[in-house]
N, C-alpha and C. Protein backbone atom coordinates (compact mmCIF):
# COMPACT_ATOMS: atom_id res chain seq x y z
N MET A 1 47.99 53.57 43.75
CA MET A 1 48.75 54.59 43.06
C MET A 1 49.83 53.96 42.18
N THR A 2 50.50 52.94 42.71
CA THR A 2 51.58 52.31 41.96
C THR A 2 51.04 51.62 40.71
N LEU A 3 49.88 51.01 40.81
CA LEU A 3 49.29 50.33 39.66
C LEU A 3 48.94 51.34 38.56
N THR A 4 48.48 52.51 38.94
CA THR A 4 48.18 53.56 37.97
C THR A 4 49.45 54.02 37.27
N ILE A 5 50.51 54.23 38.03
CA ILE A 5 51.78 54.64 37.44
C ILE A 5 52.30 53.56 36.50
N PHE A 6 52.22 52.30 36.94
CA PHE A 6 52.67 51.19 36.10
C PHE A 6 51.88 51.14 34.80
N GLY A 7 50.57 51.27 34.89
CA GLY A 7 49.72 51.23 33.71
C GLY A 7 50.00 52.36 32.75
N PHE A 8 50.17 53.56 33.28
CA PHE A 8 50.45 54.72 32.43
C PHE A 8 51.76 54.54 31.67
N PHE A 9 52.80 54.14 32.36
CA PHE A 9 54.09 53.99 31.70
C PHE A 9 54.15 52.75 30.82
N PHE A 10 53.34 51.74 31.11
CA PHE A 10 53.23 50.59 30.22
C PHE A 10 52.65 51.03 28.87
N VAL A 11 51.60 51.83 28.92
CA VAL A 11 50.99 52.34 27.69
C VAL A 11 51.97 53.25 26.94
N MET A 12 52.70 54.07 27.68
CA MET A 12 53.70 54.93 27.03
C MET A 12 54.78 54.09 26.36
N GLY A 13 55.23 53.03 27.02
CA GLY A 13 56.22 52.14 26.43
C GLY A 13 55.68 51.45 25.19
N ALA A 14 54.40 51.05 25.21
CA ALA A 14 53.78 50.41 24.04
C ALA A 14 53.73 51.39 22.87
N ALA A 15 53.42 52.64 23.15
CA ALA A 15 53.39 53.66 22.09
C ALA A 15 54.80 53.87 21.52
N LEU A 16 55.79 53.88 22.37
CA LEU A 16 57.16 54.02 21.89
C LEU A 16 57.58 52.80 21.08
N GLY A 17 57.13 51.62 21.49
CA GLY A 17 57.47 50.40 20.77
C GLY A 17 56.85 50.33 19.40
N LEU A 18 55.71 50.95 19.21
CA LEU A 18 55.08 50.96 17.90
C LEU A 18 55.79 51.87 16.92
N ARG A 19 56.50 52.85 17.40
CA ARG A 19 57.03 53.88 16.51
C ARG A 19 58.56 53.93 16.43
N PHE A 20 59.24 53.69 17.55
CA PHE A 20 60.68 53.94 17.61
C PHE A 20 61.48 52.66 17.80
N LYS A 21 62.82 52.82 17.65
CA LYS A 21 63.73 51.72 17.91
C LYS A 21 64.06 51.68 19.40
N VAL A 22 64.80 50.66 19.81
CA VAL A 22 65.00 50.39 21.23
C VAL A 22 65.79 51.50 21.94
N LEU A 23 66.59 52.26 21.23
CA LEU A 23 67.38 53.31 21.88
C LEU A 23 66.53 54.43 22.46
N ILE A 24 65.25 54.50 22.10
CA ILE A 24 64.37 55.52 22.66
C ILE A 24 64.11 55.27 24.15
N LEU A 25 64.34 54.03 24.59
CA LEU A 25 64.12 53.72 26.00
C LEU A 25 65.08 54.45 26.92
N LEU A 26 66.30 54.71 26.46
CA LEU A 26 67.28 55.39 27.32
C LEU A 26 66.82 56.80 27.72
N PRO A 27 66.46 57.67 26.77
CA PRO A 27 65.98 58.98 27.21
C PRO A 27 64.62 58.91 27.91
N ALA A 28 63.79 57.96 27.52
CA ALA A 28 62.47 57.85 28.17
C ALA A 28 62.63 57.47 29.63
N ILE A 29 63.47 56.50 29.91
CA ILE A 29 63.69 56.09 31.30
C ILE A 29 64.40 57.20 32.07
N GLY A 30 65.35 57.89 31.42
CA GLY A 30 66.04 58.99 32.08
C GLY A 30 65.11 60.12 32.45
N LEU A 31 64.25 60.53 31.51
CA LEU A 31 63.30 61.60 31.81
C LEU A 31 62.30 61.18 32.88
N ALA A 32 61.84 59.94 32.81
CA ALA A 32 60.90 59.45 33.82
C ALA A 32 61.57 59.41 35.20
N ALA A 33 62.82 58.99 35.24
CA ALA A 33 63.54 58.91 36.53
C ALA A 33 63.72 60.30 37.14
N VAL A 34 64.08 61.26 36.31
CA VAL A 34 64.25 62.64 36.81
C VAL A 34 62.92 63.19 37.32
N GLY A 35 61.86 62.97 36.55
CA GLY A 35 60.55 63.45 36.97
C GLY A 35 60.06 62.79 38.24
N ILE A 36 60.22 61.48 38.34
CA ILE A 36 59.77 60.76 39.53
C ILE A 36 60.60 61.14 40.74
N ALA A 37 61.90 61.31 40.54
CA ALA A 37 62.76 61.73 41.65
C ALA A 37 62.36 63.12 42.14
N GLY A 38 62.08 64.03 41.21
CA GLY A 38 61.66 65.37 41.62
C GLY A 38 60.35 65.36 42.38
N VAL A 39 59.39 64.61 41.89
CA VAL A 39 58.10 64.54 42.57
C VAL A 39 58.24 63.85 43.93
N GLY A 40 59.06 62.78 43.97
CA GLY A 40 59.25 62.07 45.23
C GLY A 40 59.93 62.92 46.29
N ILE A 41 60.92 63.69 45.87
CA ILE A 41 61.61 64.57 46.81
C ILE A 41 60.67 65.68 47.29
N ALA A 42 59.91 66.25 46.36
CA ALA A 42 58.97 67.31 46.74
C ALA A 42 57.87 66.78 47.66
N HIS A 43 57.51 65.52 47.47
CA HIS A 43 56.46 64.91 48.29
C HIS A 43 57.00 64.48 49.65
N GLY A 44 58.32 64.38 49.77
CA GLY A 44 58.93 63.99 51.03
C GLY A 44 59.09 62.49 51.19
N ASP A 45 59.10 61.75 50.09
CA ASP A 45 59.29 60.31 50.15
C ASP A 45 60.74 59.98 50.45
N GLY A 46 60.95 58.79 50.97
CA GLY A 46 62.30 58.34 51.26
C GLY A 46 63.04 57.93 50.00
N VAL A 47 64.35 57.80 50.13
CA VAL A 47 65.18 57.45 48.99
C VAL A 47 64.82 56.07 48.47
N GLY A 48 64.57 55.14 49.36
CA GLY A 48 64.21 53.78 48.96
C GLY A 48 62.91 53.73 48.17
N THR A 49 61.94 54.51 48.61
CA THR A 49 60.65 54.57 47.90
C THR A 49 60.81 55.16 46.51
N VAL A 50 61.60 56.20 46.40
CA VAL A 50 61.82 56.83 45.10
C VAL A 50 62.56 55.87 44.18
N MET A 51 63.56 55.18 44.67
CA MET A 51 64.31 54.24 43.85
C MET A 51 63.44 53.07 43.40
N LEU A 52 62.58 52.60 44.28
CA LEU A 52 61.67 51.51 43.92
C LEU A 52 60.68 51.97 42.86
N THR A 53 60.19 53.18 42.98
CA THR A 53 59.27 53.71 41.97
C THR A 53 59.96 53.88 40.63
N VAL A 54 61.19 54.34 40.63
CA VAL A 54 61.95 54.48 39.38
C VAL A 54 62.16 53.10 38.75
N ALA A 55 62.46 52.09 39.55
CA ALA A 55 62.65 50.75 39.03
C ALA A 55 61.36 50.20 38.44
N ILE A 56 60.24 50.45 39.10
CA ILE A 56 58.94 49.98 38.60
C ILE A 56 58.61 50.68 37.28
N VAL A 57 58.88 51.96 37.20
CA VAL A 57 58.60 52.71 35.97
C VAL A 57 59.49 52.24 34.84
N ALA A 58 60.77 52.00 35.11
CA ALA A 58 61.67 51.51 34.07
C ALA A 58 61.22 50.14 33.57
N THR A 59 60.79 49.29 34.48
CA THR A 59 60.28 47.98 34.09
C THR A 59 59.01 48.10 33.27
N ALA A 60 58.12 49.00 33.66
CA ALA A 60 56.87 49.19 32.92
C ALA A 60 57.14 49.71 31.52
N LEU A 61 58.07 50.64 31.38
CA LEU A 61 58.42 51.14 30.05
C LEU A 61 58.98 50.03 29.16
N GLN A 62 59.84 49.20 29.73
CA GLN A 62 60.44 48.13 28.95
C GLN A 62 59.41 47.06 28.57
N MET A 63 58.55 46.71 29.50
CA MET A 63 57.51 45.73 29.19
C MET A 63 56.53 46.28 28.15
N GLY A 64 56.18 47.54 28.28
CA GLY A 64 55.30 48.17 27.30
C GLY A 64 55.95 48.25 25.94
N TYR A 65 57.24 48.55 25.91
CA TYR A 65 57.96 48.60 24.63
C TYR A 65 57.93 47.24 23.96
N PHE A 66 58.18 46.19 24.72
CA PHE A 66 58.13 44.84 24.16
C PHE A 66 56.73 44.51 23.64
N PHE A 67 55.72 44.89 24.39
CA PHE A 67 54.33 44.68 23.95
C PHE A 67 54.07 45.43 22.64
N GLY A 68 54.57 46.64 22.52
CA GLY A 68 54.42 47.41 21.29
C GLY A 68 55.13 46.76 20.12
N LEU A 69 56.30 46.17 20.38
CA LEU A 69 57.01 45.45 19.32
C LEU A 69 56.21 44.24 18.84
N VAL A 70 55.60 43.55 19.78
CA VAL A 70 54.80 42.37 19.43
C VAL A 70 53.55 42.79 18.67
N MET A 71 52.98 43.92 19.03
CA MET A 71 51.75 44.38 18.39
C MET A 71 51.98 45.00 17.02
N ARG A 72 53.19 45.41 16.72
CA ARG A 72 53.47 46.06 15.44
C ARG A 72 53.08 45.20 14.23
N PRO A 73 53.50 43.92 14.14
CA PRO A 73 53.07 43.12 12.99
C PRO A 73 51.59 42.75 13.03
N ILE A 74 51.03 42.66 14.22
CA ILE A 74 49.59 42.36 14.32
C ILE A 74 48.78 43.52 13.77
N ILE A 75 49.17 44.74 14.11
CA ILE A 75 48.47 45.91 13.58
C ILE A 75 48.66 46.00 12.07
N ALA A 76 49.86 45.67 11.59
CA ALA A 76 50.11 45.70 10.15
C ALA A 76 49.27 44.66 9.42
N SER A 77 48.96 43.54 10.07
CA SER A 77 48.17 42.51 9.42
C SER A 77 46.69 42.91 9.28
N PHE A 78 46.26 43.94 9.97
CA PHE A 78 44.88 44.41 9.83
C PHE A 78 44.66 45.13 8.52
N GLY A 79 45.72 45.40 7.78
CA GLY A 79 45.59 46.03 6.49
C GLY A 79 45.75 47.53 6.52
N VAL A 80 46.42 48.05 7.51
CA VAL A 80 46.70 49.49 7.54
C VAL A 80 47.78 49.75 6.51
N HIS A 81 47.46 50.49 5.50
CA HIS A 81 48.38 50.71 4.41
C HIS A 81 49.43 51.74 4.78
N ALA A 82 50.56 51.64 4.12
CA ALA A 82 51.67 52.55 4.41
C ALA A 82 51.30 53.99 4.09
N ALA A 83 50.44 54.21 3.12
CA ALA A 83 50.05 55.58 2.77
C ALA A 83 49.26 56.23 3.90
N VAL A 84 48.41 55.46 4.55
CA VAL A 84 47.63 55.99 5.66
C VAL A 84 48.55 56.32 6.83
N VAL A 85 49.48 55.44 7.09
CA VAL A 85 50.43 55.67 8.17
C VAL A 85 51.28 56.90 7.88
N GLU A 86 51.69 57.06 6.64
CA GLU A 86 52.51 58.22 6.26
C GLU A 86 51.72 59.52 6.42
N LYS A 87 50.44 59.51 6.10
CA LYS A 87 49.62 60.72 6.29
C LYS A 87 49.49 61.06 7.76
N LEU A 88 49.40 60.05 8.61
CA LEU A 88 49.29 60.30 10.04
C LEU A 88 50.59 60.87 10.60
N ARG A 89 51.71 60.48 10.05
CA ARG A 89 53.02 60.99 10.53
C ARG A 89 53.21 62.45 10.16
N LEU A 90 52.61 62.90 9.07
CA LEU A 90 52.79 64.27 8.63
C LEU A 90 52.06 65.29 9.49
N ARG A 91 51.10 64.86 10.26
CA ARG A 91 50.32 65.79 11.09
C ARG A 91 51.06 66.24 12.29
């Protein structure tokens, strides 16, 4: 279960890294922490387990964000033109 959560939030962090600046991590980690805390409390998990899960999710978001930053110039080198990217943003 933890590996699935880590993978999901890693991909979310990579998506954020491709599009936004680093300050997007603050609300993303905050929203994830609130959601995980709510689910953990409703599930009856202990405080330590919930805190560990929040820490793992925050780490996954940050690692994914860094991966997205690294991938940004690689994707740009494939020849994706700015006009195509602008059309995708308008949708």
